[in-house]
Protein backbone atom coordinates (compact mmCIF):
# COMPACT_ATOMS: atom_id res chain seq x y z
CA UNK A 1 -9.37 23.22 -62.07
CA UNK A 2 -9.46 25.47 -58.67
CA UNK A 3 -6.55 27.99 -59.02
CA UNK A 4 -6.00 28.38 -54.93
CA UNK A 5 -3.61 25.87 -54.63
CA UNK A 6 -2.91 27.31 -51.13
CA UNK A 7 -5.53 25.08 -50.03
CA UNK A 8 -4.52 21.69 -48.44
CA UNK A 9 -5.89 18.20 -48.35
CA UNK A 10 -4.59 15.92 -46.35
CA UNK A 11 -5.30 12.41 -47.62
CA UNK A 12 -4.65 9.35 -44.91
CA UNK A 13 -4.15 6.30 -46.27
CA UNK A 14 -2.37 5.03 -49.33
CA UNK A 15 -4.41 2.01 -50.61
CA UNK A 16 -6.79 2.92 -54.29
CA UNK A 17 -9.06 4.54 -51.99
CA UNK A 18 -6.61 7.09 -50.68
CA UNK A 19 -4.54 7.26 -54.07
CA UNK A 20 -7.36 7.37 -56.09
CA UNK A 21 -8.75 10.39 -53.57
CA UNK A 22 -5.13 11.88 -54.28
CA UNK A 23 -5.29 12.04 -58.08
CA UNK A 24 -8.37 13.73 -57.80
CA UNK A 25 -7.54 16.45 -55.69
CA UNK A 26 -4.39 16.75 -57.26
CA UNK A 27 -6.46 16.87 -60.31
CA UNK A 28 -8.35 19.84 -59.06
CA UNK A 29 -5.54 22.11 -58.20
CA UNK A 30 -5.42 21.48 -53.93
CA UNK A 31 -1.99 20.93 -52.48
CA UNK A 32 -2.52 17.17 -51.90
CA UNK A 33 -0.40 15.64 -49.21
CA UNK A 34 -0.79 11.93 -48.56
CA UNK A 35 0.21 10.20 -45.92
CA UNK A 36 0.70 6.08 -44.90
CA UNK A 37 1.61 4.21 -42.08
CA UNK A 38 4.36 1.79 -44.00
CA UNK A 39 7.35 2.46 -46.29
CA UNK A 40 5.60 2.38 -49.37
CA UNK A 41 1.73 2.61 -50.67
CA UNK A 42 -0.46 0.05 -51.84
CA UNK A 43 1.18 -2.59 -49.83
CA UNK A 44 -2.58 -4.58 -49.54
CA UNK A 45 -3.29 -3.95 -53.35
CA UNK A 46 -0.08 -5.68 -54.21
CA UNK A 47 -1.20 -8.50 -52.45
CA UNK A 48 -4.81 -8.96 -53.97
CA UNK A 49 -2.99 -8.97 -57.60
CA UNK A 50 -0.11 -11.70 -56.25
CA UNK A 51 -2.81 -14.32 -58.06
CA UNK A 52 -3.89 -11.99 -60.86
CA UNK A 53 -5.39 -8.43 -60.33
CA UNK A 54 -9.62 -8.67 -60.19
CA UNK A 55 -9.99 -4.79 -61.10
CA UNK A 56 -13.63 -4.61 -61.70
CA UNK A 57 -16.72 -6.68 -63.37
CA UNK A 58 -18.18 -6.09 -66.57
CA UNK A 59 -22.06 -6.75 -65.34
CA UNK A 60 -24.78 -4.17 -65.89
CA UNK A 61 -24.72 -1.21 -63.21
CA UNK A 62 -28.00 -2.16 -62.50
CA UNK A 63 -26.31 -5.67 -61.21
CA UNK A 64 -23.61 -4.41 -59.58
CA UNK A 65 -24.93 -2.22 -57.25
CA UNK A 66 -26.89 -4.82 -55.64
CA UNK A 67 -23.73 -6.68 -54.82
CA UNK A 68 -22.82 -4.33 -51.80
CA UNK A 69 -24.43 -3.94 -47.88
CA UNK A 70 -24.98 -1.31 -45.87
CA UNK A 71 -26.89 1.45 -48.46
CA UNK A 72 -29.57 0.58 -51.08
CA UNK A 73 -28.82 -0.50 -54.13
CA UNK A 74 -29.56 2.95 -55.66
CA UNK A 75 -27.07 5.05 -53.59
CA UNK A 76 -24.61 2.56 -55.11
CA UNK A 77 -25.45 3.15 -58.45
CA UNK A 78 -25.12 6.67 -57.29
CA UNK A 79 -21.73 5.84 -56.48
CA UNK A 80 -20.47 3.90 -58.78
CA UNK A 81 -21.91 6.44 -61.82
CA UNK A 82 -18.87 8.45 -59.89
CA UNK A 83 -16.56 6.20 -61.23
CA UNK A 84 -17.43 3.07 -63.22
CA UNK A 85 -16.18 0.17 -64.16
CA UNK A 86 -16.14 1.50 -67.85
CA UNK A 87 -14.12 4.39 -66.18
CA UNK A 88 -11.97 2.29 -64.18
CA UNK A 89 -10.65 0.34 -66.99
CA UNK A 90 -10.28 3.12 -68.98
CA UNK A 91 -7.81 4.74 -66.61
CA UNK A 92 -6.30 1.53 -66.22
CA UNK A 93 -5.54 1.82 -69.80
CA UNK A 94 -4.16 5.68 -69.82
CA UNK A 95 -1.53 4.14 -67.39
CA UNK A 96 -0.62 1.72 -69.69
CA UNK A 97 -2.09 -1.37 -68.27
CA UNK A 98 -5.05 -3.26 -70.83
CA UNK A 99 -7.80 -5.08 -69.19
CA UNK A 100 -9.31 -8.31 -70.37
CA UNK A 101 -12.88 -9.82 -69.21
CA UNK A 102 -13.23 -13.65 -68.70
CA UNK A 103 -16.63 -15.18 -69.05
CA UNK A 104 -17.61 -14.55 -65.70
CA UNK A 105 -17.59 -10.97 -66.31
CA UNK A 106 -14.57 -10.33 -63.90
CA UNK A 107 -11.77 -8.10 -65.35
CA UNK A 108 -8.09 -8.69 -64.85
CA UNK A 109 -4.93 -6.75 -65.98
CA UNK A 110 -3.69 -8.41 -68.97
CA UNK A 111 -0.20 -8.84 -67.32
CA UNK A 112 -2.81 -10.30 -64.48
CA UNK A 113 0.03 -8.04 -62.27
CA UNK A 114 -0.62 -5.17 -59.90
CA UNK A 115 2.87 -4.03 -59.19
CA UNK A 116 3.69 -2.40 -63.12
CA UNK A 117 0.31 -0.47 -62.12
CA UNK A 118 0.94 0.75 -59.41
CA UNK A 119 4.41 2.02 -60.21
CA UNK A 120 3.08 3.62 -62.96
CA UNK A 121 0.42 5.27 -61.29
CA UNK A 122 2.37 6.63 -57.97
CA UNK A 123 4.68 8.30 -60.65
CA UNK A 124 1.84 9.83 -62.43
CA UNK A 125 0.65 11.02 -58.89
CA UNK A 126 4.04 12.70 -58.05
CA UNK A 127 4.39 14.19 -61.27
CA UNK A 128 0.82 15.97 -60.56
CA UNK A 129 2.18 17.55 -57.59
CA UNK A 130 0.99 14.76 -54.60
CA UNK A 131 3.33 14.98 -51.85
CA UNK A 132 3.90 11.33 -50.58
CA UNK A 133 4.79 11.02 -46.20
CA UNK A 134 5.43 7.72 -45.64
CA UNK A 135 6.01 6.02 -41.91
CA UNK A 136 3.25 8.66 -40.57
CA UNK A 137 0.97 6.47 -38.79
CA UNK A 138 -1.72 8.83 -37.44
CA UNK A 139 -2.94 9.05 -34.01
CA UNK A 140 -5.28 12.11 -33.45
CA UNK A 141 -7.38 14.47 -35.10
CA UNK A 142 -8.54 17.87 -33.43
CA UNK A 143 -10.88 20.26 -35.72
CA UNK A 144 -10.89 24.19 -34.80
CA UNK A 145 -10.52 26.50 -38.05
CA UNK A 146 -8.70 23.96 -39.45
CA UNK A 147 -7.68 20.01 -38.81
CA UNK A 148 -4.62 19.30 -36.87
CA UNK A 149 -3.62 15.94 -37.62
CA UNK A 150 -1.18 14.20 -35.01
CA UNK A 151 1.25 11.02 -35.87
CA UNK A 152 2.85 8.45 -33.83
CA UNK A 153 6.04 9.60 -35.01
CA UNK A 154 5.59 12.60 -33.25
CA UNK A 155 5.24 14.92 -36.78
CA UNK A 156 1.86 17.07 -37.26
CA UNK A 157 0.15 18.79 -39.79
CA UNK A 158 -2.30 21.23 -40.68
CA UNK A 159 -5.10 21.04 -43.54
CA UNK A 160 -8.44 22.74 -45.00
CA UNK A 161 -9.93 18.93 -45.32
CA UNK A 162 -9.05 15.29 -44.24
CA UNK A 163 -9.65 12.29 -46.28
CA UNK A 164 -9.44 8.72 -44.43
CA UNK A 165 -8.44 6.31 -46.17
CA UNK A 166 -7.70 3.36 -43.45
CA UNK A 167 -8.59 0.28 -44.66
CA UNK A 168 -10.60 -2.85 -42.72
CA UNK A 169 -8.70 -4.71 -40.46
CA UNK A 170 -7.64 -7.45 -43.06
CA UNK A 171 -4.06 -8.86 -43.92
CA UNK A 172 -2.77 -6.12 -41.56
CA UNK A 173 1.03 -6.74 -42.02
CA UNK A 174 -0.05 -4.43 -45.25
CA UNK A 175 -1.02 -1.51 -42.90
CA UNK A 176 -4.83 -2.32 -42.68
CA UNK A 177 -5.32 -3.06 -39.50
CA UNK A 178 -8.48 -1.38 -37.98
CA UNK A 179 -6.75 0.53 -35.54
CA UNK A 180 -8.41 3.48 -36.50
CA UNK A 181 -11.43 2.15 -34.90
CA UNK A 182 -10.42 3.76 -31.06
CA UNK A 183 -9.39 7.24 -32.48
CA UNK A 184 -12.59 7.72 -34.09
CA UNK A 185 -14.54 6.93 -31.58
CA UNK A 186 -12.79 9.40 -29.05
CA UNK A 187 -13.99 11.77 -31.72
CA UNK A 188 -17.47 10.67 -30.74
CA UNK A 189 -17.80 8.66 -33.95
CA UNK A 190 -19.77 5.09 -33.95
CA UNK A 191 -18.40 2.33 -35.52
CA UNK A 192 -20.04 -1.04 -36.71
CA UNK A 193 -17.40 -3.91 -34.99
CA UNK A 194 -15.22 -4.89 -37.93
CA UNK A 195 -15.13 -9.14 -38.77
CA UNK A 196 -14.02 -10.90 -41.06
CA UNK A 197 -15.68 -11.18 -44.56
CA UNK A 198 -14.40 -13.25 -47.31
CA UNK A 199 -12.92 -15.87 -46.16
CA UNK A 200 -12.68 -19.43 -44.76
CA UNK A 201 -15.08 -21.01 -41.99
CA UNK A 202 -13.58 -23.40 -39.69
CA UNK A 203 -15.39 -27.42 -39.57
CA UNK A 204 -13.63 -30.25 -37.73
CA UNK A 205 -13.21 -33.09 -40.53
CA UNK A 206 -12.22 -36.58 -39.82
CA UNK A 207 -9.14 -37.60 -40.32
CA UNK A 208 -10.46 -39.88 -42.90
CA UNK A 209 -11.88 -37.28 -44.84
CA UNK A 210 -8.86 -35.09 -44.75
CA UNK A 211 -6.05 -37.92 -45.75
CA UNK A 212 -8.62 -38.34 -48.86
CA UNK A 213 -9.76 -35.12 -50.01
CA UNK A 214 -7.45 -32.22 -48.23
CA UNK A 215 -6.84 -29.36 -50.68
CA UNK A 216 -9.43 -30.76 -53.10
CA UNK A 217 -12.07 -29.26 -54.67
CA UNK A 218 -15.66 -29.19 -54.81
CA UNK A 219 -16.13 -27.94 -58.12
CA UNK A 220 -19.70 -27.04 -59.82
CA UNK A 221 -21.72 -27.21 -56.55
CA UNK A 222 -24.23 -24.72 -55.30
CA UNK A 223 -24.04 -23.81 -51.70
CA UNK A 224 -27.20 -22.45 -49.24
CA UNK A 225 -27.64 -21.20 -46.45
CA UNK A 226 -30.74 -19.83 -44.22
CA UNK A 227 -32.44 -19.57 -47.72
CA UNK A 228 -29.75 -18.01 -49.53
CA UNK A 229 -27.70 -19.62 -52.48
CA UNK A 230 -24.36 -19.46 -54.57
CA UNK A 231 -22.79 -21.37 -57.21
CA UNK A 232 -19.30 -22.04 -57.70
CA UNK A 233 -16.46 -23.71 -55.96
CA UNK A 234 -14.64 -24.65 -52.58
CA UNK A 235 -12.02 -25.94 -51.75
CA UNK A 236 -11.71 -28.65 -48.46
CA UNK A 237 -8.76 -27.48 -46.46
CA UNK A 238 -7.47 -29.02 -42.66
CA UNK A 239 -9.52 -26.34 -40.72
CA UNK A 240 -13.00 -26.16 -43.05
CA UNK A 241 -14.05 -24.75 -46.28
CA UNK A 242 -12.63 -22.10 -48.54
CA UNK A 243 -14.45 -20.55 -51.84
CA UNK A 244 -16.12 -17.91 -53.54
CA UNK A 245 -19.54 -19.34 -52.19
CA UNK A 246 -18.74 -19.05 -48.84
CA UNK A 247 -17.74 -15.67 -49.30
CA UNK A 248 -21.17 -14.93 -50.75
CA UNK A 249 -22.62 -16.11 -47.94
CA UNK A 250 -20.77 -14.67 -45.49
CA UNK A 251 -22.96 -12.24 -44.02
CA UNK A 252 -25.67 -14.74 -43.81
CA UNK A 253 -23.72 -17.28 -42.55
CA UNK A 254 -22.73 -14.62 -39.18
CA UNK A 255 -26.50 -13.53 -38.43
CA UNK A 256 -26.84 -17.47 -37.77
CA UNK A 257 -26.96 -18.50 -34.32
CA UNK A 258 -25.72 -21.58 -35.44
CA UNK A 259 -24.01 -21.44 -38.85
CA UNK A 260 -23.95 -24.13 -41.60
CA UNK A 261 -24.14 -24.54 -45.01
CA UNK A 262 -25.84 -27.18 -47.32
CA UNK A 263 -24.00 -28.53 -50.04
CA UNK A 264 -25.75 -29.88 -53.07
CA UNK A 265 -23.11 -31.54 -55.27
CA UNK A 266 -25.02 -32.27 -58.82
CA UNK A 267 -26.98 -29.10 -58.79
CA UNK A 268 -27.82 -30.12 -62.36
CA UNK A 269 -29.69 -33.00 -61.32
CA UNK A 270 -33.13 -34.21 -59.22
CA UNK A 271 -32.74 -36.41 -56.82
CA UNK A 272 -34.79 -38.68 -59.65
CA UNK A 273 -32.35 -38.40 -61.77
CA UNK A 274 -29.64 -39.31 -59.82
CA UNK A 275 -31.38 -42.20 -58.47
CA UNK A 276 -32.01 -43.85 -61.82
CA UNK A 277 -28.07 -43.44 -62.69
CA UNK A 278 -27.84 -45.52 -59.43
CA UNK A 279 -29.89 -48.19 -61.30
CA UNK A 280 -28.75 -51.82 -60.83
CA UNK A 281 -26.23 -50.65 -57.78
CA UNK A 282 -25.44 -53.28 -54.78
CA UNK A 283 -23.20 -52.66 -51.90
CA UNK A 284 -20.79 -50.13 -51.76
CA UNK A 285 -23.33 -46.67 -53.18
CA UNK A 286 -20.70 -44.38 -52.53
CA UNK A 287 -18.38 -46.04 -54.49
CA UNK A 288 -20.85 -46.56 -57.39
CA UNK A 289 -21.94 -43.02 -57.36
CA UNK A 290 -18.47 -41.82 -57.58
CA UNK A 291 -18.19 -43.58 -61.08
CA UNK A 292 -21.99 -43.11 -62.82
CA UNK A 293 -22.24 -39.56 -60.49
CA UNK A 294 -18.70 -38.59 -61.77
CA UNK A 295 -17.88 -37.44 -58.16
CA UNK A 296 -13.98 -35.83 -57.79
CA UNK A 297 -12.20 -36.99 -54.67
CA UNK A 298 -13.48 -34.43 -52.40
CA UNK A 299 -17.55 -34.73 -53.06
CA UNK A 300 -16.66 -38.94 -52.78
CA UNK A 301 -15.25 -38.04 -49.70
CA UNK A 302 -18.27 -36.28 -48.13
CA UNK A 303 -20.51 -39.30 -49.40
CA UNK A 304 -17.98 -41.82 -47.97
CA UNK A 305 -18.17 -41.19 -44.55
CA UNK A 306 -21.40 -43.56 -44.00
CA UNK A 307 -23.13 -46.76 -45.13
CA UNK A 308 -25.61 -45.93 -47.10
CA UNK A 309 -28.78 -48.31 -47.23
CA UNK A 310 -29.72 -47.98 -50.76
CA UNK A 311 -29.39 -45.50 -53.58
CA UNK A 312 -32.28 -43.24 -52.39
CA UNK A 313 -30.26 -42.26 -49.24
CA UNK A 314 -27.34 -41.27 -50.67
CA UNK A 315 -28.74 -38.98 -53.54
CA UNK A 316 -30.54 -37.21 -50.89
CA UNK A 317 -27.58 -36.93 -48.84
CA UNK A 318 -25.76 -35.55 -52.14
CA UNK A 319 -28.18 -33.02 -53.02
CA UNK A 320 -28.16 -31.63 -49.88
CA UNK A 321 -25.10 -32.29 -47.61
CA UNK A 322 -25.14 -30.32 -44.49
CA UNK A 323 -22.25 -28.72 -43.23
CA UNK A 324 -22.18 -27.25 -39.48
CA UNK A 325 -19.75 -24.65 -39.47
CA UNK A 326 -17.62 -23.48 -36.03
CA UNK A 327 -17.29 -19.91 -37.38
CA UNK A 328 -14.76 -17.85 -39.36
CA UNK A 329 -11.16 -17.53 -39.84
CA UNK A 330 -9.57 -14.96 -37.55
CA UNK A 331 -10.03 -11.30 -39.37
CA UNK A 332 -6.47 -11.07 -40.00
CA UNK A 333 -6.59 -14.17 -43.03
CA UNK A 334 -9.96 -12.82 -44.62
CA UNK A 335 -9.96 -10.68 -48.41
CA UNK A 336 -11.85 -7.97 -46.65
CA UNK A 337 -13.43 -7.10 -43.48
CA UNK A 338 -17.66 -5.93 -42.75
CA UNK A 339 -18.28 -3.27 -40.41
CA UNK A 340 -16.60 -0.14 -39.91
CA UNK A 341 -17.45 4.11 -39.47
CA UNK A 342 -21.43 3.58 -39.27
CA UNK A 343 -23.29 5.05 -42.51
CA UNK A 344 -25.33 7.30 -40.03
CA UNK A 345 -21.95 8.96 -39.59
CA UNK A 346 -21.99 10.50 -42.88
CA UNK A 347 -23.31 12.44 -45.35
CA UNK A 348 -24.50 11.18 -48.99
CA UNK A 349 -20.96 12.79 -50.17
CA UNK A 350 -19.21 10.67 -47.41
CA UNK A 351 -18.53 13.81 -45.25
CA UNK A 352 -18.16 13.05 -41.26
CA UNK A 353 -21.54 14.96 -40.18
CA UNK A 354 -20.36 16.16 -36.83
CA UNK A 355 -16.97 17.12 -37.96
CA UNK A 356 -17.19 19.00 -41.63
CA UNK A 357 -14.17 18.76 -43.88
CA UNK A 358 -13.54 14.88 -42.45
CA UNK A 359 -14.05 12.77 -45.33
CA UNK A 360 -13.95 8.71 -45.35
CA UNK A 361 -13.37 6.33 -48.25
CA UNK A 362 -13.17 3.07 -49.23
CA UNK A 363 -13.29 -0.26 -46.49
CA UNK A 364 -13.24 1.66 -43.46
CA UNK A 365 -16.92 2.38 -44.04
CA UNK A 366 -19.83 -0.06 -42.89
CA UNK A 367 -20.02 -1.86 -46.14
CA UNK A 368 -19.23 -5.30 -47.55
CA UNK A 369 -19.39 -7.03 -51.04
CA UNK A 370 -17.80 -10.43 -52.33
CA UNK A 371 -14.69 -11.00 -54.32
CA UNK A 372 -15.34 -10.49 -58.28
CA UNK A 373 -13.65 -6.90 -59.00
CA UNK A 374 -16.71 -5.13 -56.58
CA UNK A 375 -13.97 -4.37 -53.55
CA UNK A 376 -11.53 -2.64 -55.86
CA UNK A 377 -14.31 -1.32 -58.10
CA UNK A 378 -15.78 0.62 -54.59
CA UNK A 379 -12.60 1.50 -53.26
CA UNK A 380 -11.89 3.57 -56.51
CA UNK A 381 -15.63 4.98 -56.45
CA UNK A 382 -15.20 6.10 -53.01
CA UNK A 383 -12.29 7.55 -52.95
CA UNK A 384 -13.90 9.64 -55.85
CA UNK A 385 -16.94 10.56 -54.37
CA UNK A 386 -14.87 11.59 -50.70
CA UNK A 387 -12.71 13.63 -53.14
CA UNK A 388 -15.29 15.43 -55.11
CA UNK A 389 -16.70 16.64 -52.55
CA UNK A 390 -13.53 17.33 -50.02
CA UNK A 391 -12.71 19.74 -53.18
CA UNK A 392 -16.35 21.08 -53.15
CA UNK A 393 -16.27 21.59 -49.81
CA UNK A 394 -13.09 24.13 -49.55
CA UNK A 395 -13.57 25.49 -52.85
C-alpha cells in the first residue's frame, strides 16, 4: 500500500468501471474521490441487472479476448488478465454474492439481482475511505501542476490524477449520455462517433405478419450478414427484430451500405432434408411446412407471406429468408454503444498521451462486444487497469 495518502485521485463516473477503479485506488492508500452526475451510483448497472445480472462468462480467456473490437485479441487478453473472469467471480463472492454458470457459459449472480451486490459494494468502498460526491456533472478539465475539474454545479476540485469512466450514450436517464465527447474535443482528443450497439434493428413488417407473430420468437436459427453468422433467437417486434444474433452482427450490419440479414430457420436440416419432409404435400405449402418442419408462429408467418409453387421453393426460402433492415434502433434504447475515445489517444495503460495523469476506463473507449457477460467484464478489467496505472503514475 502506498503510504502517501496526501495524493488524490479523482474518479468521474459511478458505473462498474469507476467503482472498480475507486476500489483499487483506495486499496492502494490514496485519497480517492468519486464523482457522479446522478443522486446515486450504479444506475445503469441496476437496470442491466433487472432481468438477472450476467456478470461475466466462463469461456477460456483465449476465446474471451476475441469478443472485443478496437484492439487485437492479444491486447484484450492482457487487459482481461489484469482482472479476469475468475477474479470477478471471487470478488463477487467476497461481497457475499455467489455466482453460477449456465450451459451457455454465461455467469449470473445466484439471486439474479444487482441491487444487493451494489449496496454491499458501496458500503465496502465507503469503509475503505472512498469519498462520494453525487450530483456533480463534469464540464471542464484543466491541467497545470495538477488537474483542476469544474462541475456544472459551480464546484471545482484539484487532483493529482483523474480517471474518467463516463460510459457511452445508451440509457441516458441513468447518466450514460455521451455528453463528455465535446469536453474531450476541447482538450484536442479525437473520438469515433458513438453508435448504438447490442440493439434491435428496424424493418417494416406487413400487417398480416405483425398480427400473426408480433412478440413471438424465432428460435434456434442462424442469422447471417456479409459472410458472418450467429446462432440464437430473435423476437419479431412492431419495429423490426431484437435479439442476440443481431447484437453479435451489429458491427457488420452498421458497415453495410444496405444492411440485411439472411435467416436460416432450420439450420440443422439441409434443403434436401426439408424437401423430403414435404413429400406428398400439395396446395398450401406454408401450412404443410408448419406441421412437418415444426415451425413456431413467427417462422410460419415469415413463410406464409407468399404463395409457394412447390416444396423446393419454400425450402430454399426457409434456409435463406432475407430481411432488409432500415437501420438500428435509437442509441437511447441500445444496451451499449460502439465508438468513443480513439485508442490512438491512449497508452496501453489507458493514460491519455497528451495529458499525462488523465486515464480513461469502460465504455467511453472505442470498443464493443456482444452481450453474454463481456460488457461488464471489460468495464471491471479496464477500471482495474486504469486505476493501477494511475496509482503507479503518482507513486
